[in-house]
Amino acid sequence: MSSPNSHDIKVLNSLAEGLIDSADGYAEAAAETDDVRYRDLFVRRSDERRRIASDLQAAVRVMGGQPEDEGSILAKAQRAFMDIKHALMRDDSSVVSSIENSEAHLQARFDRAMDDQALSATTRETIRRAQAAVRTGHDEMHLLRRSLEGQHDADHPLYPQ
């Protein structure tokens, strides 16, 4: 027997899973970087992602569902790859690039959810509020990656002085 809220619960759980993956990725990035500024940023983003996931989990409980409380196996494999890549490159830019890529995927999940016409208005509003923070995080990582690339280019011997 299917609950009238089963579709909303499924979508919210999928987004919560993505947010948990994002929080775990930021936490790992914080542990990997030697730069205190980046570490603080990554820790703040990890905490924010966990808070948003908790909000979605609470919405699932209100609808009578069982909230998702773990990230995906695929994301764990991607973070393992990021660990290897970072160990080989020792470059904050590569870590930020990986985070930005993950954030783009998370943002796309939220965009697809917002386009889902089968969701209730209440669920759509819950997702819309969470999506704003996801977009801000993605935009911030995009700007940070571009800044790091610019610094790298400026250090290149062929960069015009």
N, C-alpha and C. Protein backbone atom coordinates (compact mmCIF):
# COMPACT_ATOMS: atom_id res chain seq x y z
N MET A 1 0.85 -1.18 0.00
CA MET A 1 0.00 0.00 0.00
C MET A 1 0.90 1.24 0.00
N SER A 2 0.61 2.13 -0.88
CA SER A 2 1.42 3.33 -1.05
C SER A 2 0.78 4.49 -0.31
N SER A 3 1.59 5.26 0.38
CA SER A 3 1.14 6.45 1.08
C SER A 3 0.89 7.57 0.08
N PRO A 4 -0.06 8.47 0.37
CA PRO A 4 -0.27 9.60 -0.55
C PRO A 4 0.95 10.52 -0.62
N ASN A 5 1.83 10.41 0.35
CA ASN A 5 3.03 11.24 0.39
C ASN A 5 4.27 10.51 -0.12
N SER A 6 4.11 9.30 -0.64
CA SER A 6 5.28 8.49 -0.97
C SER A 6 6.20 9.15 -2.00
N HIS A 7 5.64 9.82 -2.98
CA HIS A 7 6.49 10.47 -3.99
C HIS A 7 7.29 11.62 -3.36
N ASP A 8 6.61 12.45 -2.57
CA ASP A 8 7.30 13.55 -1.90
C ASP A 8 8.41 13.03 -0.99
N ILE A 9 8.11 11.96 -0.25
CA ILE A 9 9.10 11.37 0.66
C ILE A 9 10.30 10.86 -0.12
N LYS A 10 10.05 10.21 -1.24
CA LYS A 10 11.14 9.67 -2.07
C LYS A 10 12.04 10.81 -2.57
N VAL A 11 11.44 11.89 -3.05
CA VAL A 11 12.22 13.02 -3.57
C VAL A 11 13.00 13.69 -2.44
N LEU A 12 12.35 13.94 -1.31
CA LEU A 12 13.05 14.57 -0.18
C LEU A 12 14.20 13.69 0.32
N ASN A 13 13.98 12.38 0.38
CA ASN A 13 15.05 11.48 0.81
C ASN A 13 16.23 11.49 -0.17
N SER A 14 15.92 11.56 -1.45
CA SER A 14 16.99 11.62 -2.45
C SER A 14 17.82 12.89 -2.26
N LEU A 15 17.14 14.01 -2.02
CA LEU A 15 17.86 15.27 -1.81
C LEU A 15 18.64 15.24 -0.50
N ALA A 16 18.06 14.65 0.54
CA ALA A 16 18.77 14.54 1.82
C ALA A 16 20.03 13.70 1.65
N GLU A 17 19.94 12.62 0.89
CA GLU A 17 21.11 11.79 0.62
C GLU A 17 22.20 12.60 -0.08
N GLY A 18 21.81 13.40 -1.07
CA GLY A 18 22.77 14.26 -1.76
C GLY A 18 23.40 15.28 -0.84
N LEU A 19 22.61 15.83 0.07
CA LEU A 19 23.14 16.80 1.03
C LEU A 19 24.12 16.15 2.01
N ILE A 20 23.82 14.93 2.42
CA ILE A 20 24.73 14.20 3.31
C ILE A 20 26.03 13.92 2.58
N ASP A 21 25.93 13.53 1.30
CA ASP A 21 27.14 13.33 0.49
C ASP A 21 27.95 14.62 0.43
N SER A 22 27.28 15.74 0.21
CA SER A 22 27.95 17.03 0.13
C SER A 22 28.62 17.37 1.46
N ALA A 23 27.91 17.17 2.56
CA ALA A 23 28.47 17.45 3.88
C ALA A 23 29.71 16.59 4.13
N ASP A 24 29.64 15.32 3.78
CA ASP A 24 30.79 14.43 3.95
C ASP A 24 31.96 14.87 3.08
N GLY A 25 31.68 15.30 1.86
CA GLY A 25 32.73 15.77 0.96
C GLY A 25 33.42 17.01 1.51
N TYR A 26 32.63 17.96 2.01
CA TYR A 26 33.21 19.16 2.60
C TYR A 26 34.03 18.82 3.84
N ALA A 27 33.54 17.90 4.65
CA ALA A 27 34.28 17.51 5.86
C ALA A 27 35.62 16.88 5.49
N GLU A 28 35.63 16.03 4.47
CA GLU A 28 36.89 15.44 4.02
C GLU A 28 37.83 16.50 3.45
N ALA A 29 37.29 17.42 2.70
CA ALA A 29 38.12 18.49 2.14
C ALA A 29 38.73 19.33 3.26
N ALA A 30 37.95 19.58 4.32
CA ALA A 30 38.47 20.34 5.46
C ALA A 30 39.62 19.61 6.12
N ALA A 31 39.51 18.30 6.20
CA ALA A 31 40.58 17.51 6.81
C ALA A 31 41.82 17.45 5.93
N GLU A 32 41.64 17.58 4.62
CA GLU A 32 42.76 17.45 3.68
C GLU A 32 43.55 18.73 3.46
N THR A 33 42.92 19.88 3.61
CA THR A 33 43.61 21.13 3.27
C THR A 33 44.51 21.60 4.41
N ASP A 34 45.59 22.25 4.03
CA ASP A 34 46.48 22.85 5.01
C ASP A 34 46.16 24.32 5.23
N ASP A 35 45.30 24.88 4.40
CA ASP A 35 44.97 26.29 4.47
C ASP A 35 43.79 26.50 5.43
N VAL A 36 44.03 27.25 6.50
CA VAL A 36 43.02 27.47 7.54
C VAL A 36 41.77 28.13 6.98
N ARG A 37 41.95 29.07 6.04
CA ARG A 37 40.78 29.75 5.45
C ARG A 37 39.87 28.76 4.74
N TYR A 38 40.46 27.87 3.97
CA TYR A 38 39.66 26.88 3.26
C TYR A 38 39.04 25.90 4.25
N ARG A 39 39.81 25.50 5.24
CA ARG A 39 39.30 24.56 6.23
C ARG A 39 38.05 25.13 6.90
N ASP A 40 38.11 26.39 7.32
CA ASP A 40 36.95 27.02 7.96
C ASP A 40 35.76 27.08 7.01
N LEU A 41 36.01 27.43 5.77
CA LEU A 41 34.94 27.48 4.77
C LEU A 41 34.32 26.11 4.59
N PHE A 42 35.14 25.07 4.44
CA PHE A 42 34.64 23.73 4.21
C PHE A 42 33.85 23.22 5.43
N VAL A 43 34.32 23.53 6.62
CA VAL A 43 33.61 23.11 7.83
C VAL A 43 32.25 23.80 7.90
N ARG A 44 32.21 25.09 7.61
CA ARG A 44 30.93 25.83 7.62
C ARG A 44 29.95 25.23 6.61
N ARG A 45 30.46 24.95 5.41
CA ARG A 45 29.58 24.37 4.38
C ARG A 45 29.10 22.97 4.79
N SER A 46 29.98 22.17 5.38
CA SER A 46 29.59 20.84 5.83
C SER A 46 28.48 20.94 6.88
N ASP A 47 28.64 21.83 7.84
CA ASP A 47 27.62 22.03 8.87
C ASP A 47 26.31 22.50 8.26
N GLU A 48 26.40 23.41 7.30
CA GLU A 48 25.20 23.93 6.64
C GLU A 48 24.47 22.80 5.89
N ARG A 49 25.23 21.97 5.17
CA ARG A 49 24.61 20.86 4.43
C ARG A 49 23.91 19.90 5.39
N ARG A 50 24.53 19.63 6.53
CA ARG A 50 23.92 18.72 7.50
C ARG A 50 22.63 19.34 8.07
N ARG A 51 22.64 20.65 8.30
CA ARG A 51 21.45 21.32 8.81
C ARG A 51 20.31 21.24 7.79
N ILE A 52 20.63 21.48 6.52
CA ILE A 52 19.60 21.42 5.48
C ILE A 52 19.07 19.99 5.34
N ALA A 53 19.97 19.01 5.39
CA ALA A 53 19.55 17.60 5.32
C ALA A 53 18.61 17.29 6.48
N SER A 54 18.94 17.81 7.64
CA SER A 54 18.10 17.59 8.83
C SER A 54 16.71 18.20 8.63
N ASP A 55 16.65 19.37 8.00
CA ASP A 55 15.35 20.00 7.71
C ASP A 55 14.52 19.11 6.78
N LEU A 56 15.17 18.55 5.76
CA LEU A 56 14.44 17.68 4.83
C LEU A 56 14.01 16.39 5.52
N GLN A 57 14.88 15.86 6.38
CA GLN A 57 14.54 14.65 7.13
C GLN A 57 13.33 14.90 8.04
N ALA A 58 13.28 16.09 8.65
CA ALA A 58 12.14 16.43 9.50
C ALA A 58 10.85 16.47 8.67
N ALA A 59 10.93 17.02 7.47
CA ALA A 59 9.76 17.06 6.58
C ALA A 59 9.30 15.64 6.23
N VAL A 60 10.24 14.74 6.01
CA VAL A 60 9.90 13.35 5.71
C VAL A 60 9.18 12.72 6.91
N ARG A 61 9.67 12.97 8.11
CA ARG A 61 9.03 12.43 9.32
C ARG A 61 7.60 12.94 9.46
N VAL A 62 7.41 14.25 9.20
CA VAL A 62 6.07 14.84 9.31
C VAL A 62 5.10 14.14 8.35
N MET A 63 5.60 13.71 7.20
CA MET A 63 4.76 13.02 6.23
C MET A 63 4.58 11.54 6.54
N GLY A 64 5.20 11.08 7.62
CA GLY A 64 5.06 9.68 8.01
C GLY A 64 6.09 8.76 7.38
N GLY A 65 7.13 9.33 6.80
CA GLY A 65 8.16 8.52 6.15
C GLY A 65 9.37 8.27 7.03
N GLN A 66 10.23 7.40 6.56
CA GLN A 66 11.50 7.09 7.22
C GLN A 66 12.59 7.90 6.52
N PRO A 67 13.21 8.87 7.22
CA PRO A 67 14.20 9.72 6.56
C PRO A 67 15.50 9.00 6.23
N GLU A 68 16.10 9.40 5.12
CA GLU A 68 17.41 8.92 4.70
C GLU A 68 18.45 9.53 5.63
N ASP A 69 19.33 8.70 6.18
CA ASP A 69 20.32 9.25 7.10
C ASP A 69 21.76 8.89 6.73
N GLU A 70 21.94 8.41 5.51
CA GLU A 70 23.28 8.09 5.02
C GLU A 70 23.44 8.62 3.61
N GLY A 71 24.69 8.84 3.23
CA GLY A 71 25.00 9.23 1.87
C GLY A 71 25.02 8.02 0.96
N SER A 72 25.31 8.26 -0.29
CA SER A 72 25.30 7.18 -1.28
C SER A 72 26.66 6.48 -1.36
N ILE A 73 26.64 5.26 -1.81
CA ILE A 73 27.87 4.49 -2.00
C ILE A 73 28.69 5.12 -3.13
N LEU A 74 28.03 5.61 -4.17
CA LEU A 74 28.74 6.24 -5.29
C LEU A 74 29.54 7.45 -4.81
N ALA A 75 28.95 8.26 -3.95
CA ALA A 75 29.66 9.45 -3.45
C ALA A 75 30.87 9.05 -2.62
N LYS A 76 30.77 7.97 -1.86
CA LYS A 76 31.92 7.50 -1.08
C LYS A 76 33.05 7.08 -2.02
N ALA A 77 32.70 6.44 -3.12
CA ALA A 77 33.72 6.05 -4.10
C ALA A 77 34.34 7.28 -4.75
N GLN A 78 33.52 8.29 -5.05
CA GLN A 78 34.05 9.51 -5.65
C GLN A 78 35.00 10.23 -4.68
N ARG A 79 34.67 10.24 -3.39
CA ARG A 79 35.55 10.88 -2.41
C ARG A 79 36.86 10.11 -2.28
N ALA A 80 36.80 8.78 -2.39
CA ALA A 80 38.03 8.00 -2.35
C ALA A 80 38.92 8.36 -3.54
N PHE A 81 38.30 8.53 -4.70
CA PHE A 81 39.05 8.95 -5.88
C PHE A 81 39.66 10.33 -5.65
N MET A 82 38.88 11.24 -5.06
CA MET A 82 39.37 12.59 -4.77
C MET A 82 40.57 12.52 -3.82
N ASP A 83 40.52 11.62 -2.84
CA ASP A 83 41.64 11.47 -1.91
C ASP A 83 42.91 11.07 -2.65
N ILE A 84 42.78 10.12 -3.57
CA ILE A 84 43.93 9.66 -4.34
C ILE A 84 44.45 10.78 -5.23
N LYS A 85 43.55 11.45 -5.92
CA LYS A 85 43.93 12.55 -6.81
C LYS A 85 44.64 13.65 -6.02
N HIS A 86 44.08 14.01 -4.86
CA HIS A 86 44.69 15.07 -4.05
C HIS A 86 46.06 14.63 -3.54
N ALA A 87 46.19 13.37 -3.15
CA ALA A 87 47.48 12.88 -2.66
C ALA A 87 48.54 12.97 -3.75
N LEU A 88 48.13 12.72 -4.99
CA LEU A 88 49.08 12.78 -6.09
C LEU A 88 49.40 14.22 -6.50
N MET A 89 48.40 15.08 -6.46
CA MET A 89 48.59 16.44 -6.96
C MET A 89 48.94 17.45 -5.87
N ARG A 90 48.54 17.18 -4.63
CA ARG A 90 48.79 18.11 -3.52
C ARG A 90 48.40 19.53 -3.90
N ASP A 91 47.17 19.69 -4.32
CA ASP A 91 46.74 20.94 -4.89
C ASP A 91 45.32 21.26 -4.41
N ASP A 92 45.17 22.39 -3.68
CA ASP A 92 43.84 22.79 -3.22
C ASP A 92 42.90 23.03 -4.39
N SER A 93 43.45 23.47 -5.50
CA SER A 93 42.63 23.74 -6.68
C SER A 93 41.92 22.47 -7.15
N SER A 94 42.60 21.33 -7.12
CA SER A 94 41.98 20.08 -7.56
C SER A 94 40.87 19.67 -6.59
N VAL A 95 41.06 19.92 -5.30
CA VAL A 95 40.03 19.60 -4.32
C VAL A 95 38.81 20.49 -4.54
N VAL A 96 39.05 21.79 -4.70
CA VAL A 96 37.94 22.73 -4.91
C VAL A 96 37.21 22.38 -6.21
N SER A 97 37.95 22.00 -7.23
CA SER A 97 37.32 21.61 -8.50
C SER A 97 36.41 20.39 -8.31
N SER A 98 36.87 19.42 -7.54
CA SER A 98 36.05 18.24 -7.26
C SER A 98 34.79 18.62 -6.48
N ILE A 99 34.96 19.50 -5.52
CA ILE A 99 33.81 19.95 -4.73
C ILE A 99 32.82 20.69 -5.63
N GLU A 100 33.34 21.57 -6.47
CA GLU A 100 32.45 22.32 -7.36
C GLU A 100 31.67 21.37 -8.26
N ASN A 101 32.32 20.36 -8.78
CA ASN A 101 31.66 19.38 -9.63
C ASN A 101 30.54 18.67 -8.86
N SER A 102 30.83 18.27 -7.64
CA SER A 102 29.82 17.61 -6.81
C SER A 102 28.66 18.55 -6.51
N GLU A 103 28.98 19.80 -6.25
CA GLU A 103 27.94 20.79 -5.97
C GLU A 103 27.06 21.03 -7.20
N ALA A 104 27.65 20.98 -8.39
CA ALA A 104 26.86 21.14 -9.62
C ALA A 104 25.87 19.99 -9.76
N HIS A 105 26.30 18.77 -9.42
CA HIS A 105 25.39 17.62 -9.47
C HIS A 105 24.27 17.77 -8.45
N LEU A 106 24.62 18.25 -7.26
CA LEU A 106 23.61 18.46 -6.22
C LEU A 106 22.61 19.52 -6.66
N GLN A 107 23.11 20.59 -7.21
CA GLN A 107 22.24 21.67 -7.69
C GLN A 107 21.30 21.14 -8.78
N ALA A 108 21.81 20.30 -9.66
CA ALA A 108 20.97 19.72 -10.72
C ALA A 108 19.87 18.84 -10.13
N ARG A 109 20.18 18.13 -9.05
CA ARG A 109 19.15 17.31 -8.39
C ARG A 109 18.03 18.21 -7.87
N PHE A 110 18.42 19.33 -7.27
CA PHE A 110 17.42 20.26 -6.75
C PHE A 110 16.61 20.87 -7.90
N ASP A 111 17.27 21.20 -8.99
CA ASP A 111 16.57 21.77 -10.14
C ASP A 111 15.53 20.77 -10.68
N ARG A 112 15.93 19.50 -10.79
CA ARG A 112 14.99 18.47 -11.27
C ARG A 112 13.80 18.34 -10.31
N ALA A 113 14.09 18.39 -9.02
CA ALA A 113 13.01 18.28 -8.03
C ALA A 113 12.04 19.45 -8.17
N MET A 114 12.57 20.63 -8.38
CA MET A 114 11.70 21.80 -8.52
C MET A 114 10.83 21.72 -9.78
N ASP A 115 11.29 20.99 -10.78
CA ASP A 115 10.53 20.82 -12.02
C ASP A 115 9.49 19.70 -11.92
N ASP A 116 9.52 18.94 -10.82
CA ASP A 116 8.63 17.80 -10.63
C ASP A 116 7.22 18.29 -10.29
N GLN A 117 6.32 18.18 -11.23
CA GLN A 117 4.95 18.68 -11.06
C GLN A 117 4.11 17.82 -10.12
N ALA A 118 4.59 16.62 -9.80
CA ALA A 118 3.83 15.72 -8.93
C ALA A 118 4.03 16.03 -7.45
N LEU A 119 4.95 16.93 -7.12
CA LEU A 119 5.20 17.27 -5.71
C LEU A 119 4.11 18.19 -5.17
N SER A 120 3.86 18.05 -3.88
CA SER A 120 2.91 18.95 -3.23
C SER A 120 3.52 20.34 -3.12
N ALA A 121 2.68 21.33 -2.94
CA ALA A 121 3.15 22.71 -2.79
C ALA A 121 4.02 22.86 -1.56
N THR A 122 3.68 22.17 -0.49
CA THR A 122 4.47 22.25 0.75
C THR A 122 5.87 21.69 0.53
N THR A 123 5.97 20.55 -0.12
CA THR A 123 7.27 19.95 -0.40
C THR A 123 8.08 20.82 -1.34
N ARG A 124 7.43 21.36 -2.34
CA ARG A 124 8.12 22.24 -3.29
C ARG A 124 8.71 23.46 -2.56
N GLU A 125 7.98 24.01 -1.61
CA GLU A 125 8.48 25.17 -0.85
C GLU A 125 9.65 24.76 0.04
N THR A 126 9.59 23.60 0.65
CA THR A 126 10.70 23.09 1.46
C THR A 126 11.95 22.95 0.60
N ILE A 127 11.79 22.42 -0.59
CA ILE A 127 12.91 22.23 -1.51
C ILE A 127 13.43 23.58 -1.99
N ARG A 128 12.54 24.52 -2.28
CA ARG A 128 12.96 25.84 -2.75
C ARG A 128 13.84 26.54 -1.72
N ARG A 129 13.48 26.45 -0.44
CA ARG A 129 14.29 27.08 0.61
C ARG A 129 15.67 26.44 0.69
N ALA A 130 15.72 25.13 0.61
CA ALA A 130 17.00 24.42 0.67
C ALA A 130 17.84 24.71 -0.57
N GLN A 131 17.19 24.84 -1.70
CA GLN A 131 17.89 25.06 -2.96
C GLN A 131 18.69 26.37 -2.96
N ALA A 132 18.20 27.37 -2.29
CA ALA A 132 18.90 28.66 -2.24
C ALA A 132 20.29 28.49 -1.63
N ALA A 133 20.39 27.74 -0.56
CA ALA A 133 21.70 27.52 0.08
C ALA A 133 22.59 26.65 -0.80
N VAL A 134 22.01 25.68 -1.48
CA VAL A 134 22.79 24.83 -2.38
C VAL A 134 23.37 25.67 -3.51
N ARG A 135 22.58 26.54 -4.07
CA ARG A 135 23.05 27.40 -5.17
C ARG A 135 24.18 28.32 -4.68
N THR A 136 24.02 28.89 -3.50
CA THR A 136 25.06 29.76 -2.93
C THR A 136 26.37 29.00 -2.75
N GLY A 137 26.28 27.77 -2.25
CA GLY A 137 27.48 26.95 -2.06
C GLY A 137 28.16 26.64 -3.38
N HIS A 138 27.38 26.29 -4.38
CA HIS A 138 27.96 26.00 -5.69
C HIS A 138 28.63 27.24 -6.26
N ASP A 139 27.95 28.37 -6.19
CA ASP A 139 28.51 29.61 -6.74
C ASP A 139 29.80 29.99 -6.02
N GLU A 140 29.84 29.79 -4.71
CA GLU A 140 31.04 30.11 -3.94
C GLU A 140 32.21 29.22 -4.36
N MET A 141 31.95 27.94 -4.55
CA MET A 141 33.03 27.02 -4.97
C MET A 141 33.48 27.34 -6.39
N HIS A 142 32.55 27.75 -7.23
CA HIS A 142 32.91 28.13 -8.60
C HIS A 142 33.85 29.34 -8.58
N LEU A 143 33.51 30.34 -7.80
CA LEU A 143 34.36 31.54 -7.71
C LEU A 143 35.72 31.21 -7.09
N LEU A 144 35.73 30.35 -6.08
CA LEU A 144 36.99 29.96 -5.45
C LEU A 144 37.88 29.21 -6.44
N ARG A 145 37.28 28.29 -7.19
CA ARG A 145 38.07 27.55 -8.20
C ARG A 145 38.66 28.50 -9.22
N ARG A 146 37.86 29.44 -9.71
CA ARG A 146 38.35 30.41 -10.70
C ARG A 146 39.48 31.26 -10.11
N SER A 147 39.35 31.64 -8.86
CA SER A 147 40.39 32.42 -8.19
C SER A 147 41.68 31.62 -8.08
N LEU A 148 41.56 30.36 -7.69
CA LEU A 148 42.75 29.52 -7.56
C LEU A 148 43.41 29.29 -8.91
N GLU A 149 42.60 29.11 -9.95
CA GLU A 149 43.17 28.96 -11.29
C GLU A 149 43.88 30.22 -11.72
N GLY A 150 43.31 31.38 -11.39
CA GLY A 150 43.95 32.65 -11.72
C GLY A 150 45.28 32.81 -11.01
N GLN A 151 45.35 32.40 -9.75
CA GLN A 151 46.61 32.46 -9.01
C GLN A 151 47.64 31.54 -9.64
N HIS A 152 47.18 30.36 -10.03
CA HIS A 152 48.07 29.39 -10.67
C HIS A 152 48.61 29.96 -11.97
N ASP A 153 47.73 30.57 -12.76
CA ASP A 153 48.16 31.18 -14.04
C ASP A 153 49.13 32.31 -13.79
N ALA A 154 48.88 33.12 -12.77
CA ALA A 154 49.75 34.26 -12.48
C ALA A 154 51.14 33.82 -12.04
N ASP A 155 51.23 32.62 -11.47
CA ASP A 155 52.54 32.10 -11.05
C ASP A 155 53.29 31.46 -12.22
N HIS A 156 52.62 31.25 -13.33
CA HIS A 156 53.24 30.60 -14.48
C HIS A 156 54.30 31.54 -15.08
N PRO A 157 55.46 31.01 -15.48
CA PRO A 157 56.52 31.86 -15.99
C PRO A 157 56.17 32.61 -17.28
N LEU A 158 55.18 32.14 -18.03
CA LEU A 158 54.79 32.82 -19.26
C LEU A 158 53.68 33.84 -19.06
N TYR A 159 53.20 33.98 -17.82
CA TYR A 159 52.14 34.95 -17.53
C TYR A 159 52.70 36.37 -17.69
N PRO A 160 52.01 37.24 -18.43
CA PRO A 160 52.52 38.60 -18.64
C PRO A 160 52.56 39.37 -17.32
N GLN A 161 53.66 40.01 -17.07
CA GLN A 161 53.84 40.77 -15.83
C GLN A 161 53.59 42.23 -16.03
